Amino acid sequence: MRIEEIRLHRIQMPLKSPFANRLTVVSDRELIIVEAFDSEGRTGLGECVAFSEPWYTEETVDTCWHVMERFLIPLALGQPLEHPREVSRRFAPIRRNHMAKAAIEGAVWDLYCRRRGLSLAEALGGTRRRIEAGVAVGAQLTMDRMLGAIEERVSEGYRRIKVKIKPGADLRVLERIRGAFPDLPLMADANSAYTLADLPKLKQLDDLNLLMIEQPLAADDIVDHAKVQAAIQTPVCLDESICSVDDARRAIELGSCRVINVKIGRVGGLWEAKRIHDLCRERGIDLWCGGMLEAGVSRAHNIALASLPHFNLPGDISASSRYWERDVTVPEVTVDRGMISVPREPGIGVELDRHRLDEVTVASRRYP
């Protein structure tokens, strides 16, 4: 297989409602859709999930476009590939820039599967035909709005709810939610809002029967998280700290977490995500697939990944209509009684809605 042409489409879509955490508020989502073509005109789709500003990682839509255009696309074009796992080795001389790498690698995976007549889930080793859907509820202006938003998601069948917390909006918020929903599978995402000085407060989470607390300490830390996990019963989940299978191995060996959230963009692609899955299965670490306010291409990649056998907790994989009035892919992702069907068609199981893509595209370029 040779990649003969790559096209980038920078898109911008308004969210149905702003999504807030302690670091930012996202109202409009910029993304980059990647198309990879072989010599026979077959197409594979990828998506770059970096944000417009570097609040989640150091990458942004602008930096990813530059890195893909200047460094990664020249490495991807024209040279034969036997398997998509070779993409990560080819990109290895370029340090980090994981979201840029994952976008191109994802398109190569889709193209490879379409050529072989395999679904992406099948090619990765997925075993599930349906996956459980979880959802994140962003910070709200009032507690009543928060409870109302959770009630709406529960009524839609979502199997797990994630809420954002920070100092001053944590224990009281969680206590109100737990009081209203005593049996709800509930987790808290801190987005690195705490330090070791907050350990007495974090210990109080043990009374709330949470599934986990996600990334309570610094985004690049695994050492201090081990101290937190040793002191509390609530499982600690690592997100931003895990950018590779080696990061995951070190965190597990240190006892820094009992759960890992895998995001394809954050770890540099599907192959690295699969390696983290295999490690967590071997070490008995719970695992789930995180979300990045994606459009339909990346959402389809997430569904395929979450079909692997050790993704044993509901991920942040919700219906397209949760965020978008109209997605850029068809068919859109739907949730039925808390479950999402895993596509069985060759590739990722969705196609671009060209009319919608044209409506939301702000820049496009083809290479070479």
Protein backbone atom coordinates (compact mmCIF):
# COMPACT_ATOMS: atom_id res chain seq x y z
CA MET A 1 0.00 0.00 0.00
CA ARG A 2 1.24 3.46 -0.92
CA ILE A 3 -0.26 6.78 0.16
CA GLU A 4 -0.28 8.84 -3.04
CA GLU A 5 -2.19 11.90 -1.84
CA ILE A 6 -3.32 13.48 1.41
CA ARG A 7 -5.92 16.20 1.82
CA LEU A 8 -6.46 18.34 4.91
CA HIS A 9 -9.73 20.11 5.69
CA ARG A 10 -9.81 22.58 8.54
CA ILE A 11 -13.37 22.78 9.82
CA GLN A 12 -15.21 24.81 12.44
CA MET A 13 -18.55 23.77 13.93
CA PRO A 14 -20.55 25.37 16.76
CA LEU A 15 -21.39 23.13 19.69
CA LYS A 16 -25.07 22.88 20.58
CA SER A 17 -24.15 24.35 23.96
CA PRO A 18 -20.80 25.54 25.37
CA PHE A 19 -18.69 22.90 27.13
CA ALA A 20 -16.94 24.21 30.26
CA ASN A 21 -14.23 22.86 32.53
CA ARG A 22 -11.92 24.61 34.97
CA LEU A 23 -9.50 25.62 32.20
CA THR A 24 -11.69 26.92 29.39
CA VAL A 25 -15.08 27.13 27.73
CA VAL A 26 -15.43 25.64 24.24
CA SER A 27 -18.27 27.08 22.13
CA ASP A 28 -16.95 26.47 18.60
CA ARG A 29 -14.87 23.43 17.76
CA GLU A 30 -12.07 23.57 15.21
CA LEU A 31 -10.85 20.21 13.87
CA ILE A 32 -8.83 18.89 10.93
CA ILE A 33 -10.24 16.13 8.74
CA VAL A 34 -7.60 14.05 6.94
CA GLU A 35 -8.14 12.09 3.74
CA ALA A 36 -5.48 9.61 2.57
CA PHE A 37 -5.67 8.22 -1.01
CA ASP A 38 -3.96 5.23 -2.56
CA SER A 39 -3.08 4.84 -6.26
CA GLU A 40 -6.48 3.24 -6.96
CA GLY A 41 -8.42 6.17 -5.54
CA ARG A 42 -9.49 4.49 -2.31
CA THR A 43 -9.79 6.86 0.64
CA GLY A 44 -9.13 6.58 4.37
CA LEU A 45 -10.30 9.12 6.93
CA GLY A 46 -8.59 10.56 10.00
CA GLU A 47 -9.27 13.47 12.31
CA CYS A 48 -7.00 15.76 14.30
CA VAL A 49 -8.61 16.48 17.69
CA ALA A 50 -6.31 19.25 18.94
CA PHE A 51 -8.05 22.34 20.30
CA SER A 52 -7.65 25.90 19.07
CA GLU A 53 -5.69 26.85 22.19
CA PRO A 54 -3.06 24.80 24.11
CA TRP A 55 -5.05 24.25 27.32
CA TYR A 56 -5.28 20.44 27.10
CA THR A 57 -1.85 19.73 25.63
CA GLU A 58 0.76 21.88 23.93
CA GLU A 59 -0.71 21.06 20.50
CA THR A 60 -3.21 23.31 18.72
CA VAL A 61 -5.02 23.16 15.39
CA ASP A 62 -2.41 25.57 13.97
CA THR A 63 0.61 23.62 15.20
CA CYS A 64 -0.85 20.32 14.00
CA TRP A 65 -1.50 21.68 10.51
CA HIS A 66 2.09 22.94 10.37
CA VAL A 67 3.62 19.68 11.62
CA MET A 68 1.51 17.54 9.32
CA GLU A 69 2.25 19.71 6.30
CA ARG A 70 5.95 20.30 6.93
CA PHE A 71 7.10 17.01 8.47
CA LEU A 72 4.60 14.15 8.66
CA ILE A 73 2.95 14.17 5.25
CA PRO A 74 6.32 14.02 3.44
CA LEU A 75 7.15 10.94 5.54
CA ALA A 76 3.80 9.32 4.75
CA LEU A 77 3.64 9.87 0.99
CA GLY A 78 4.92 7.51 -1.67
CA GLN A 79 6.70 4.88 0.39
CA PRO A 80 5.21 1.37 0.67
CA LEU A 81 3.46 0.31 3.87
CA GLU A 82 2.61 -3.26 4.80
CA HIS A 83 0.65 -2.37 7.95
CA PRO A 84 -0.52 0.84 9.70
CA ARG A 85 1.68 0.08 12.72
CA GLU A 86 4.62 1.13 10.52
CA VAL A 87 3.36 4.71 10.54
CA SER A 88 4.34 5.30 14.16
CA ARG A 89 7.85 3.98 13.46
CA ARG A 90 8.14 6.22 10.42
CA PHE A 91 7.05 9.23 12.48
CA ALA A 92 9.36 8.40 15.41
CA PRO A 93 12.07 10.98 14.49
CA ILE A 94 9.47 13.73 15.07
CA ARG A 95 9.12 14.19 18.81
CA ARG A 96 5.70 14.29 20.48
CA ASN A 97 3.07 16.09 18.32
CA HIS A 98 0.88 13.10 19.09
CA MET A 99 -2.40 14.53 17.81
CA ALA A 100 -0.91 15.42 14.45
CA LYS A 101 0.55 11.92 14.14
CA ALA A 102 -2.68 10.21 15.21
CA ALA A 103 -4.70 12.07 12.57
CA ILE A 104 -2.62 10.72 9.69
CA GLU A 105 -2.18 7.28 11.22
CA GLY A 106 -5.95 7.03 11.64
CA ALA A 107 -6.50 7.75 7.96
CA VAL A 108 -3.96 5.06 7.07
CA TRP A 109 -5.76 2.54 9.30
CA ASP A 110 -9.08 3.31 7.62
CA LEU A 111 -7.57 2.99 4.15
CA TYR A 112 -5.82 -0.27 5.07
CA CYS A 113 -9.08 -1.76 6.36
CA ARG A 114 -11.08 -0.68 3.32
CA ARG A 115 -8.49 -2.29 1.04
CA ARG A 116 -8.59 -5.53 3.06
CA GLY A 117 -12.37 -5.61 3.47
CA LEU A 118 -12.01 -5.47 7.28
CA SER A 119 -13.80 -3.31 9.79
CA LEU A 120 -11.43 -1.23 11.89
CA ALA A 121 -12.69 -2.98 15.01
CA GLU A 122 -11.88 -6.36 13.49
CA ALA A 123 -8.41 -5.24 12.40
CA LEU A 124 -7.61 -4.00 15.92
CA GLY A 125 -8.85 -7.19 17.57
CA GLY A 126 -12.20 -5.90 18.79
CA THR A 127 -14.64 -8.47 20.13
CA ARG A 128 -17.73 -6.43 21.00
CA ARG A 129 -20.61 -5.73 18.64
CA ARG A 130 -21.93 -3.02 20.93
CA ILE A 131 -20.18 -0.76 23.45
CA GLU A 132 -21.47 1.08 26.50
CA ALA A 133 -21.87 4.83 26.11
CA GLY A 134 -20.82 7.30 28.79
CA VAL A 135 -20.99 11.06 28.67
CA ALA A 136 -19.35 14.12 30.22
CA VAL A 137 -21.48 16.92 31.63
CA GLY A 138 -19.65 20.25 31.64
CA ALA A 139 -19.79 22.80 34.43
CA GLN A 140 -23.14 24.60 34.69
CA LEU A 141 -24.11 28.04 35.97
CA THR A 142 -26.32 26.64 38.73
CA MET A 143 -26.66 23.36 40.60
CA ASP A 144 -30.21 22.98 39.35
CA ARG A 145 -28.97 23.18 35.76
CA MET A 146 -26.32 20.59 36.54
CA LEU A 147 -28.88 18.18 37.97
CA GLY A 148 -31.18 18.83 35.03
CA ALA A 149 -28.40 18.12 32.53
CA ILE A 150 -27.55 14.87 34.32
CA GLU A 151 -31.21 13.84 34.43
CA GLU A 152 -31.44 14.40 30.66
CA ARG A 153 -28.40 12.22 29.97
CA VAL A 154 -29.64 9.50 32.31
CA SER A 155 -33.01 9.51 30.55
CA GLU A 156 -31.16 9.04 27.25
CA GLY A 157 -29.67 5.83 28.62
CA TYR A 158 -26.04 6.79 29.17
CA ARG A 159 -24.32 4.19 31.37
CA ARG A 160 -21.90 6.54 33.16
CA ILE A 161 -21.77 10.28 33.90
CA LYS A 162 -18.59 12.34 34.26
CA VAL A 163 -18.64 15.78 35.88
CA LYS A 164 -15.93 18.40 36.15
CA ILE A 165 -14.70 19.48 39.58
CA LYS A 166 -12.27 22.05 40.98
CA PRO A 167 -11.53 23.58 44.40
CA GLY A 168 -14.64 25.38 45.57
CA ALA A 169 -16.88 23.32 43.29
CA ASP A 170 -16.20 19.74 44.26
CA LEU A 171 -17.51 18.03 47.39
CA ARG A 172 -20.73 20.02 47.63
CA VAL A 173 -21.42 19.50 43.94
CA LEU A 174 -20.76 15.76 44.14
CA GLU A 175 -22.80 15.40 47.31
CA ARG A 176 -25.79 17.07 45.64
CA ILE A 177 -25.47 14.82 42.60
CA ARG A 178 -25.09 11.69 44.71
CA GLY A 179 -28.09 12.70 46.79
CA ALA A 180 -30.23 13.05 43.67
CA PHE A 181 -28.80 9.97 41.93
CA PRO A 182 -27.71 7.52 44.65
CA ASP A 183 -27.02 4.62 42.28
CA LEU A 184 -25.62 6.54 39.31
CA PRO A 185 -22.22 5.37 37.98
CA LEU A 186 -20.47 8.69 38.59
CA MET A 187 -16.91 9.91 38.14
CA ALA A 188 -15.19 13.24 38.73
CA ASP A 189 -12.68 14.85 36.37
CA ALA A 190 -10.35 17.35 38.02
CA ASN A 191 -8.24 18.42 35.00
CA SER A 192 -5.20 18.82 37.30
CA ALA A 193 -6.97 21.21 39.68
CA TYR A 194 -5.41 19.87 42.91
CA THR A 195 -2.05 19.42 44.65
CA LEU A 196 -0.85 17.15 47.43
CA ALA A 197 -1.90 19.86 49.87
CA ASP A 198 -5.49 18.97 48.96
CA LEU A 199 -5.12 15.35 50.03
CA PRO A 200 -7.44 15.71 53.08
CA LYS A 201 -10.22 16.91 50.78
CA LEU A 202 -9.54 14.18 48.22
CA LYS A 203 -9.86 11.59 50.98
CA GLN A 204 -13.45 12.75 51.53
CA LEU A 205 -14.33 11.51 48.04
CA ASP A 206 -14.25 7.99 49.46
CA ASP A 207 -17.67 8.61 51.02
CA LEU A 208 -19.30 9.29 47.63
CA ASN A 209 -18.86 5.88 45.95
CA LEU A 210 -17.31 7.32 42.79
CA LEU A 211 -16.12 5.15 39.93
CA MET A 212 -12.91 7.20 39.92
CA ILE A 213 -11.34 10.63 40.12
CA GLU A 214 -9.60 11.56 36.90
CA GLN A 215 -6.27 13.43 36.81
CA PRO A 216 -6.44 15.21 40.17
CA LEU A 217 -2.82 16.42 40.06
CA ALA A 218 -0.49 17.96 37.46
CA ALA A 219 -0.85 16.94 33.82
CA ASP A 220 2.71 15.62 33.60
CA ASP A 221 2.83 13.85 36.96
CA ILE A 222 2.87 10.17 37.85
CA VAL A 223 4.94 10.30 41.08
CA ASP A 224 2.62 12.37 43.29
CA HIS A 225 -0.42 10.55 41.94
CA ALA A 226 1.00 7.41 43.54
CA LYS A 227 0.87 9.16 46.91
CA VAL A 228 -2.77 10.10 46.31
CA GLN A 229 -3.76 6.58 45.25
CA ALA A 230 -2.05 5.11 48.32
CA ALA A 231 -4.02 7.47 50.57
CA ILE A 232 -7.55 7.14 49.13
CA GLN A 233 -9.86 4.26 48.30
CA THR A 234 -11.39 5.98 45.27
CA PRO A 235 -9.61 4.76 42.12
CA VAL A 236 -7.33 7.34 40.54
CA CYS A 237 -7.58 7.54 36.74
CA LEU A 238 -4.75 9.04 34.71
CA ASP A 239 -5.47 10.97 31.52
CA GLU A 240 -3.02 13.71 30.49
CA SER A 241 -0.10 11.94 32.20
CA ILE A 242 -0.32 8.95 29.84
CA CYS A 243 1.06 9.76 26.39
CA SER A 244 2.59 6.37 25.56
CA VAL A 245 2.66 2.73 26.59
CA ASP A 246 5.88 3.48 28.50
CA ASP A 247 4.10 6.20 30.49
CA ALA A 248 1.38 3.68 31.31
CA ARG A 249 3.91 1.06 32.36
CA ARG A 250 5.73 3.47 34.66
CA ALA A 251 2.49 4.68 36.24
CA ILE A 252 1.32 1.12 36.88
CA GLU A 253 4.65 0.10 38.38
CA LEU A 254 4.60 3.15 40.70
CA GLY A 255 1.02 2.47 41.77
CA SER A 256 -0.07 5.87 40.44
CA CYS A 257 -3.50 4.75 39.27
CA ARG A 258 -6.02 1.94 39.11
CA VAL A 259 -7.66 3.21 35.91
CA ILE A 260 -6.34 4.63 32.63
CA ASN A 261 -8.21 6.76 30.12
CA VAL A 262 -6.96 6.23 26.56
CA LYS A 263 -7.42 8.98 23.98
CA ILE A 264 -6.16 8.10 20.53
CA GLY A 265 -4.97 11.64 19.81
CA ARG A 266 -3.20 12.03 23.13
CA VAL A 267 -1.14 8.84 22.74
CA GLY A 268 -0.23 9.32 19.08
CA GLY A 269 -2.52 6.88 17.31
CA LEU A 270 -4.43 3.63 17.30
CA TRP A 271 -1.39 1.37 17.43
CA GLU A 272 -0.08 2.95 20.62
CA ALA A 273 -3.61 2.90 22.06
CA LYS A 274 -3.82 -0.83 21.35
CA ARG A 275 -0.46 -1.39 23.05
CA ILE A 276 -1.74 0.43 26.16
CA HIS A 277 -4.86 -1.75 26.06
CA ASP A 278 -2.74 -4.89 25.95
CA LEU A 279 -0.58 -3.69 28.85
CA CYS A 280 -3.59 -2.82 31.02
CA ARG A 281 -5.17 -6.20 30.31
CA GLU A 282 -1.95 -7.92 31.36
CA ARG A 283 -1.60 -5.84 34.55
CA GLY A 284 -5.28 -5.79 35.56
CA ILE A 285 -5.76 -2.02 35.19
CA ASP A 286 -9.25 -0.78 34.32
CA LEU A 287 -9.53 1.00 31.00
CA TRP A 288 -11.87 3.29 29.10
CA CYS A 289 -11.85 5.42 25.96
CA GLY A 290 -11.87 9.17 26.46
CA GLY A 291 -13.47 11.84 24.30
CA MET A 292 -12.27 15.13 22.84
CA LEU A 293 -15.47 16.77 21.54
CA GLU A 294 -14.85 14.97 18.26
CA ALA A 295 -16.64 14.98 14.96
CA GLY A 296 -17.82 11.73 13.39
CA VAL A 297 -14.51 10.50 11.97
CA SER A 298 -12.70 10.41 15.30
CA ARG A 299 -15.86 9.19 17.02
CA ALA A 300 -15.86 6.18 14.66
CA HIS A 301 -12.22 5.46 15.49
CA ASN A 302 -13.07 5.61 19.21
CA ILE A 303 -15.94 3.13 18.79
CA ALA A 304 -13.65 0.64 17.06
CA LEU A 305 -11.00 1.01 19.75
CA ALA A 306 -13.52 0.61 22.57
CA SER A 307 -14.65 -2.71 21.07
CA LEU A 308 -11.38 -4.29 22.29
CA PRO A 309 -12.01 -6.77 25.13
CA HIS A 310 -10.34 -4.94 28.03
CA PHE A 311 -12.14 -1.61 27.63
CA ASN A 312 -14.20 -2.56 30.64
CA LEU A 313 -15.65 0.83 31.62
CA PRO A 314 -18.04 3.03 29.59
CA GLY A 315 -16.13 5.63 27.58
CA ASP A 316 -16.85 9.25 26.67
CA ILE A 317 -18.42 8.14 23.38
CA SER A 318 -21.79 9.78 22.96
CA ALA A 319 -24.23 10.32 20.11
CA SER A 320 -23.32 12.82 17.38
CA SER A 321 -26.45 14.78 18.30
CA ARG A 322 -25.07 15.30 21.81
CA TYR A 323 -22.79 18.03 20.45
CA TRP A 324 -23.70 18.78 16.83
CA GLU A 325 -26.79 19.93 15.00
CA ARG A 326 -25.33 18.05 12.06
CA ASP A 327 -22.10 16.06 11.95
CA VAL A 328 -19.72 15.83 8.97
CA THR A 329 -20.18 12.07 8.61
CA VAL A 330 -22.97 9.71 7.66
CA PRO A 331 -24.40 7.77 9.30
CA GLU A 332 -24.22 9.73 12.53
CA VAL A 333 -23.47 7.93 15.79
CA THR A 334 -26.61 7.08 17.76
CA VAL A 335 -27.15 5.70 21.27
CA ASP A 336 -29.81 3.07 21.89
CA ARG A 337 -30.57 2.38 25.56
CA GLY A 338 -27.04 3.31 26.50
CA MET A 339 -25.34 1.23 23.81
CA ILE A 340 -23.60 2.07 20.53
CA SER A 341 -23.34 -0.46 17.70
CA VAL A 342 -19.85 -1.18 16.40
CA PRO A 343 -19.72 -0.83 12.60
CA ARG A 344 -19.00 -4.02 10.71
CA GLU A 345 -18.47 -2.47 7.28
CA PRO A 346 -14.91 -2.19 5.89
CA GLY A 347 -13.00 0.67 7.48
CA ILE A 348 -14.43 2.93 10.15
CA GLY A 349 -18.01 2.48 8.96
CA VAL A 350 -18.81 6.11 8.10
CA GLU A 351 -18.39 8.36 5.06
CA LEU A 352 -17.96 12.11 4.77
CA ASP A 353 -21.08 14.17 4.24
CA ARG A 354 -19.51 16.26 1.49
CA HIS A 355 -22.17 18.95 1.54
CA ARG A 356 -21.83 19.42 5.30
CA LEU A 357 -18.03 19.31 5.04
CA ASP A 358 -18.13 22.14 2.49
CA GLU A 359 -20.40 24.17 4.79
CA VAL A 360 -18.01 24.04 7.75
CA THR A 361 -14.62 24.04 6.00
CA VAL A 362 -12.51 27.17 6.48
CA ALA A 363 -9.35 25.91 4.71
CA SER A 364 -8.33 22.93 2.57
CA ARG A 365 -5.13 21.75 0.94
CA ARG A 366 -3.97 18.68 -0.97
CA TYR A 367 -0.48 17.13 -1.00
CA PRO A 368 1.50 16.80 -3.16
